[in-house]
C-alpha atoms as a PDB file:
ATOM      1  CA  MET A   1     -24.874 -39.669  33.377  1.00  0.00           C
ATOM      2  CA  ARG A   2     -24.908 -37.657  30.180  1.00  0.00           C
ATOM      3  CA  ARG A   3     -25.033 -33.840  30.303  1.00  0.00           C
ATOM      4  CA  LYS A   4     -27.268 -31.855  28.039  1.00  0.00           C
ATOM      5  CA  GLY A   5     -25.818 -29.035  25.950  1.00  0.00           C
ATOM      6  CA  TRP A   6     -22.125 -28.307  25.910  1.00  0.00           C
ATOM      7  CA  GLY A   7     -19.915 -30.961  27.408  1.00  0.00           C
ATOM      8  CA  PHE A   8     -16.926 -30.177  29.612  1.00  0.00           C
ATOM      9  CA  LEU A   9     -14.439 -30.716  26.764  1.00  0.00           C
ATOM     10  CA  SER A  10     -16.412 -28.479  24.406  1.00  0.00           C
ATOM     11  CA  MET A  11     -16.526 -25.724  27.015  1.00  0.00           C
ATOM     12  CA  LYS A  12     -12.792 -26.098  27.660  1.00  0.00           C
ATOM     13  CA  ALA A  13     -12.110 -25.845  23.905  1.00  0.00           C
ATOM     14  CA  LEU A  14     -14.230 -22.690  23.724  1.00  0.00           C
ATOM     15  CA  VAL A  15     -12.337 -21.064  26.615  1.00  0.00           C
ATOM     16  CA  ILE A  16      -8.965 -21.971  25.062  1.00  0.00           C
ATOM     17  CA  GLY A  17     -10.122 -20.653  21.695  1.00  0.00           C
ATOM     18  CA  LEU A  18     -11.214 -17.344  23.216  1.00  0.00           C
ATOM     19  CA  CYS A  19      -7.874 -17.009  25.018  1.00  0.00           C
ATOM     20  CA  VAL A  20      -5.980 -17.674  21.778  1.00  0.00           C
ATOM     21  CA  MET A  21      -8.108 -15.118  19.919  1.00  0.00           C
ATOM     22  CA  GLN A  22      -7.502 -12.540  22.681  1.00  0.00           C
ATOM     23  CA  PHE A  23      -3.733 -13.117  22.563  1.00  0.00           C
ATOM     24  CA  ALA A  24      -3.634 -12.986  18.761  1.00  0.00           C
ATOM     25  CA  GLY A  25      -5.625  -9.758  18.773  1.00  0.00           C
ATOM     26  CA  SER A  26      -3.349  -8.100  21.312  1.00  0.00           C
ATOM     27  CA  ALA A  27      -0.186  -9.317  19.581  1.00  0.00           C
ATOM     28  CA  ALA A  28      -1.348  -7.852  16.286  1.00  0.00           C
ATOM     29  CA  ALA A  29      -2.497  -4.563  17.786  1.00  0.00           C
ATOM     30  CA  GLY A  30      -0.231  -1.696  16.881  1.00  0.00           C
ATOM     31  CA  THR A  31       0.084   1.936  17.772  1.00  0.00           C
ATOM     32  CA  PRO A  32      -1.538   4.887  16.004  1.00  0.00           C
ATOM     33  CA  GLY A  33       0.471   5.703  12.864  1.00  0.00           C
ATOM     34  CA  GLU A  34       2.792   2.702  13.229  1.00  0.00           C
ATOM     35  CA  ILE A  35       5.166   2.126  10.312  1.00  0.00           C
ATOM     36  CA  PRO A  36       5.178  -1.611   9.480  1.00  0.00           C
ATOM     37  CA  VAL A  37       8.210  -3.768   8.719  1.00  0.00           C
ATOM     38  CA  GLY A  38       9.182  -3.178   5.092  1.00  0.00           C
ATOM     39  CA  ALA A  39       8.050   0.455   5.003  1.00  0.00           C
ATOM     40  CA  LEU A  40      10.190   3.594   4.949  1.00  0.00           C
ATOM     41  CA  LEU A  41      10.385   5.641   8.121  1.00  0.00           C
ATOM     42  CA  PRO A  42       9.098   9.172   7.548  1.00  0.00           C
ATOM     43  CA  GLU A  43      11.069  12.206   8.612  1.00  0.00           C
ATOM     44  CA  ALA A  44      10.922  12.941  12.321  1.00  0.00           C
ATOM     45  CA  GLN A  45      12.487  15.487  14.643  1.00  0.00           C
ATOM     46  CA  LEU A  46      14.780  13.994  17.284  1.00  0.00           C
ATOM     47  CA  ASN A  47      15.085  16.050  20.473  1.00  0.00           C
ATOM     48  CA  ALA A  48      18.375  15.287  22.205  1.00  0.00           C
ATOM     49  CA  LEU A  49      18.461  14.529  25.905  1.00  0.00           C
ATOM     50  CA  VAL A  50      21.779  16.368  26.020  1.00  0.00           C
ATOM     51  CA  GLY A  51      22.981  18.588  23.196  1.00  0.00           C
ATOM     52  CA  GLY A  52      21.239  19.548  19.982  1.00  0.00           C
ATOM     53  CA  ALA A  53      18.397  18.157  17.961  1.00  0.00           C
ATOM     54  CA  ALA A  54      18.676  16.000  14.842  1.00  0.00           C
ATOM     55  CA  LYS A  55      16.460  14.624  12.122  1.00  0.00           C
ATOM     56  CA  LEU A  56      15.813  10.930  11.625  1.00  0.00           C
ATOM     57  CA  SER A  57      16.957  11.271   8.004  1.00  0.00           C
ATOM     58  CA  SER A  58      20.419  12.370   9.180  1.00  0.00           C
ATOM     59  CA  PHE A  59      21.112   8.689   9.959  1.00  0.00           C
ATOM     60  CA  ARG A  60      20.435   7.473   6.415  1.00  0.00           C
ATOM     61  CA  GLY A  61      23.275   5.982   4.432  1.00  0.00           C
ATOM     62  CA  LYS A  62      24.147   3.430   7.147  1.00  0.00           C
ATOM     63  CA  PRO A  63      21.914   0.873   8.829  1.00  0.00           C
ATOM     64  CA  LEU A  64      20.385   2.080  12.083  1.00  0.00           C
ATOM     65  CA  LEU A  65      19.529   0.311  15.325  1.00  0.00           C
ATOM     66  CA  ILE A  66      16.879   2.266  17.255  1.00  0.00           C
ATOM     67  CA  ASN A  67      16.279   1.286  20.871  1.00  0.00           C
ATOM     68  CA  VAL A  68      13.078   2.627  22.457  1.00  0.00           C
ATOM     69  CA  TRP A  69      13.340   2.674  26.254  1.00  0.00           C
ATOM     70  CA  ALA A  70      12.328   4.380  29.487  1.00  0.00           C
ATOM     71  CA  SER A  71      14.332   5.026  32.647  1.00  0.00           C
ATOM     72  CA  TRP A  72      11.627   3.398  34.810  1.00  0.00           C
ATOM     73  CA  CYS A  73      11.640   0.189  32.688  1.00  0.00           C
ATOM     74  CA  GLY A  74      13.686  -2.560  34.363  1.00  0.00           C
ATOM     75  CA  PRO A  75      14.267  -4.618  31.179  1.00  0.00           C
ATOM     76  CA  CYS A  76      15.291  -1.419  29.327  1.00  0.00           C
ATOM     77  CA  ARG A  77      17.827  -0.620  32.001  1.00  0.00           C
ATOM     78  CA  ALA A  78      19.113  -4.201  31.994  1.00  0.00           C
ATOM     79  CA  GLU A  79      19.849  -4.276  28.253  1.00  0.00           C
ATOM     80  CA  MET A  80      21.381  -0.790  27.884  1.00  0.00           C
ATOM     81  CA  GLY A  81      24.940  -1.924  28.709  1.00  0.00           C
ATOM     82  CA  SER A  82      24.817  -4.672  26.094  1.00  0.00           C
ATOM     83  CA  ILE A  83      23.632  -2.183  23.454  1.00  0.00           C
ATOM     84  CA  GLU A  84      26.593   0.043  24.343  1.00  0.00           C
ATOM     85  CA  ARG A  85      28.995  -2.914  23.976  1.00  0.00           C
ATOM     86  CA  LEU A  86      27.431  -3.814  20.600  1.00  0.00           C
ATOM     87  CA  TYR A  87      27.804  -0.181  19.537  1.00  0.00           C
ATOM     88  CA  GLN A  88      31.453  -0.119  20.632  1.00  0.00           C
ATOM     89  CA  ARG A  89      32.157  -3.338  18.735  1.00  0.00           C
ATOM     90  CA  TYR A  90      30.345  -2.602  15.437  1.00  0.00           C
ATOM     91  CA  GLY A  91      28.887   0.907  15.455  1.00  0.00           C
ATOM     92  CA  SER A  92      31.750   2.846  13.963  1.00  0.00           C
ATOM     93  CA  LYS A  93      32.272   0.235  11.257  1.00  0.00           C
ATOM     94  CA  GLY A  94      28.831  -0.769  10.170  1.00  0.00           C
ATOM     95  CA  PHE A  95      25.786   0.956  11.625  1.00  0.00           C
ATOM     96  CA  ASN A  96      24.437   3.768  13.761  1.00  0.00           C
ATOM     97  CA  VAL A  97      22.736   3.317  17.124  1.00  0.00           C
ATOM     98  CA  VAL A  98      20.272   5.719  18.721  1.00  0.00           C
ATOM     99  CA  GLY A  99      18.164   5.504  21.844  1.00  0.00           C
ATOM    100  CA  ILE A 100      14.684   6.974  22.104  1.00  0.00           C
ATOM    101  CA  SER A 101      13.417   7.620  25.631  1.00  0.00           C
ATOM    102  CA  THR A 102       9.668   7.587  26.192  1.00  0.00           C
ATOM    103  CA  ASP A 103      10.047   9.146  29.651  1.00  0.00           C
ATOM    104  CA  ASP A 104       7.700  11.956  30.627  1.00  0.00           C
ATOM    105  CA  ASP A 105      10.492  13.240  32.868  1.00  0.00           C
ATOM    106  CA  GLN A 106      13.387  14.407  30.675  1.00  0.00           C
ATOM    107  CA  ALA A 107      15.648  14.885  33.708  1.00  0.00           C
ATOM    108  CA  ALA A 108      15.152  11.245  34.782  1.00  0.00           C
ATOM    109  CA  ALA A 109      15.969  10.050  31.255  1.00  0.00           C
ATOM    110  CA  ALA A 110      19.094  12.240  31.037  1.00  0.00           C
ATOM    111  CA  LYS A 111      20.228  11.018  34.467  1.00  0.00           C
ATOM    112  CA  PHE A 112      19.847   7.389  33.380  1.00  0.00           C
ATOM    113  CA  VAL A 113      21.886   7.994  30.198  1.00  0.00           C
ATOM    114  CA  LYS A 114      24.637   9.611  32.273  1.00  0.00           C
ATOM    115  CA  ILE A 115      24.662   6.853  34.903  1.00  0.00           C
ATOM    116  CA  SER A 116      24.622   4.060  32.305  1.00  0.00           C
ATOM    117  CA  GLY A 117      27.601   5.592  30.489  1.00  0.00           C
ATOM    118  CA  VAL A 118      26.291   5.069  26.964  1.00  0.00           C
ATOM    119  CA  SER A 119      28.107   6.921  24.205  1.00  0.00           C
ATOM    120  CA  PHE A 120      25.554   6.632  21.410  1.00  0.00           C
ATOM    121  CA  PRO A 121      23.051   9.478  20.913  1.00  0.00           C
ATOM    122  CA  ASN A 122      19.838   9.400  22.922  1.00  0.00           C
ATOM    123  CA  TYR A 123      16.721  11.439  22.280  1.00  0.00           C
ATOM    124  CA  ILE A 124      13.495  12.164  24.155  1.00  0.00           C
ATOM    125  CA  ASP A 125      10.179  11.361  22.481  1.00  0.00           C
ATOM    126  CA  ARG A 126       7.901  14.306  23.029  1.00  0.00           C
ATOM    127  CA  ASN A 127       4.188  13.767  22.392  1.00  0.00           C
ATOM    128  CA  LEU A 128       4.590  10.014  21.615  1.00  0.00           C
ATOM    129  CA  VAL A 129       5.466  10.701  17.961  1.00  0.00           C
ATOM    130  CA  LEU A 130       8.339   8.212  17.683  1.00  0.00           C
ATOM    131  CA  GLU A 131       6.781   5.733  20.121  1.00  0.00           C
ATOM    132  CA  ASN A 132       3.692   5.507  17.902  1.00  0.00           C
ATOM    133  CA  MET A 133       5.618   5.580  14.605  1.00  0.00           C
ATOM    134  CA  LEU A 134       7.900   2.736  15.687  1.00  0.00           C
ATOM    135  CA  GLY A 135       5.107   0.684  17.291  1.00  0.00           C
ATOM    136  CA  ALA A 136       6.439   0.728  20.838  1.00  0.00           C
ATOM    137  CA  ASN A 137       3.345  -0.518  22.634  1.00  0.00           C
ATOM    138  CA  ARG A 138       5.694  -2.352  25.012  1.00  0.00           C
ATOM    139  CA  LEU A 139       9.257  -1.642  26.111  1.00  0.00           C
ATOM    140  CA  PRO A 140      11.998  -2.086  25.306  1.00  0.00           C
ATOM    141  CA  LEU A 141      11.603  -2.155  21.540  1.00  0.00           C
ATOM    142  CA  THR A 142      14.527  -2.365  19.148  1.00  0.00           C
ATOM    143  CA  VAL A 143      13.975  -1.483  15.504  1.00  0.00           C
ATOM    144  CA  LEU A 144      16.481  -2.390  12.775  1.00  0.00           C
ATOM    145  CA  VAL A 145      16.444  -0.001   9.813  1.00  0.00           C
ATOM    146  CA  ASP A 146      18.428  -0.326   6.574  1.00  0.00           C
ATOM    147  CA  GLY A 147      20.582   2.427   5.092  1.00  0.00           C
ATOM    148  CA  GLU A 148      17.690   3.784   3.038  1.00  0.00           C
ATOM    149  CA  GLY A 149      15.427   4.132   6.066  1.00  0.00           C
ATOM    150  CA  ARG A 150      13.327   0.977   5.545  1.00  0.00           C
ATOM    151  CA  VAL A 151      12.283  -0.972   8.658  1.00  0.00           C
ATOM    152  CA  ILE A 152      13.862  -4.449   8.528  1.00  0.00           C
ATOM    153  CA  LYS A 153      12.819  -5.913  11.868  1.00  0.00           C
ATOM    154  CA  LYS A 154      11.205  -5.034  15.201  1.00  0.00           C
ATOM    155  CA  ILE A 155      12.275  -6.869  18.335  1.00  0.00           C
ATOM    156  CA  ALA A 156      10.202  -6.423  21.502  1.00  0.00           C
ATOM    157  CA  GLY A 157      11.651  -7.240  24.877  1.00  0.00           C
ATOM    158  CA  SER A 158      15.058  -7.178  26.485  1.00  0.00           C
ATOM    159  CA  ARG A 159      18.072  -8.991  25.021  1.00  0.00           C
ATOM    160  CA  ALA A 160      21.772  -9.388  25.566  1.00  0.00           C
ATOM    161  CA  TRP A 161      22.683  -7.377  22.462  1.00  0.00           C
ATOM    162  CA  ASP A 162      26.351  -8.277  22.751  1.00  0.00           C
ATOM    163  CA  GLY A 163      25.609 -12.017  22.916  1.00  0.00           C
ATOM    164  CA  PRO A 164      26.132 -14.403  19.972  1.00  0.00           C
ATOM    165  CA  GLU A 165      22.436 -14.728  19.064  1.00  0.00           C
ATOM    166  CA  ALA A 166      21.824 -10.968  18.935  1.00  0.00           C
ATOM    167  CA  ILE A 167      25.123 -10.266  17.141  1.00  0.00           C
ATOM    168  CA  ASN A 168      24.151 -12.846  14.523  1.00  0.00           C
ATOM    169  CA  LEU A 169      20.711 -11.245  14.160  1.00  0.00           C
ATOM    170  CA  VAL A 170      22.175  -7.748  13.691  1.00  0.00           C
ATOM    171  CA  THR A 171      25.035  -8.738  11.387  1.00  0.00           C
ATOM    172  CA  GLN A 172      22.686 -10.739   9.157  1.00  0.00           C
ATOM    173  CA  ALA A 173      20.013  -8.028   9.073  1.00  0.00           C
ATOM    174  CA  PHE A 174      22.606  -5.354   8.259  1.00  0.00           C
ATOM    175  CA  ARG A 175      24.686  -7.684   6.041  1.00  0.00           C
ATOM    176  CA  LEU A 176      27.855  -7.125   8.062  1.00  0.00           C
ATOM    177  CA  LYS A 177      30.822  -9.403   8.590  1.00  0.00           C
ATOM    178  CA  ALA A 178      30.931 -10.890  12.080  1.00  0.00           C
ATOM    179  CA  GLN A 179      33.928  -9.759  14.140  1.00  0.00           C
END
């Protein structure tokens, strides 16, 4: 028996096509004021979780790894130790590392930094300025920035930053010698 109108396969293709379009649209969606890969980061105030404030431009001159995280984010918490180990291995020799917390609760963010034992500077993002600028519509987000302040790469999701694949990614992006 032959059906009139759209056949089953045509309907299935339409549903798959709509799903692909939805995924592509959400993957391409950014945040308000997002700086794209290849562009220079504008000046921004960094409000320290502990200690004094800084300016984003104070990190120019050396490549910069920016990790955007939240204390309530399981994948963020899971990768923090590996970022610290990467920082201990390469940070003093080749690049800076900073963390940007998107927590609403500054005390919770400061407590997590203390418990995790990280030694690189961490800042709190007040009013979503850095979250939007960096394009952190999901966490964690790691942004690689060259010494002049130009965004090289954005990596969404948790990684083992002290593993061979991530070390290769960072050393190539920052043009460092592997150790």
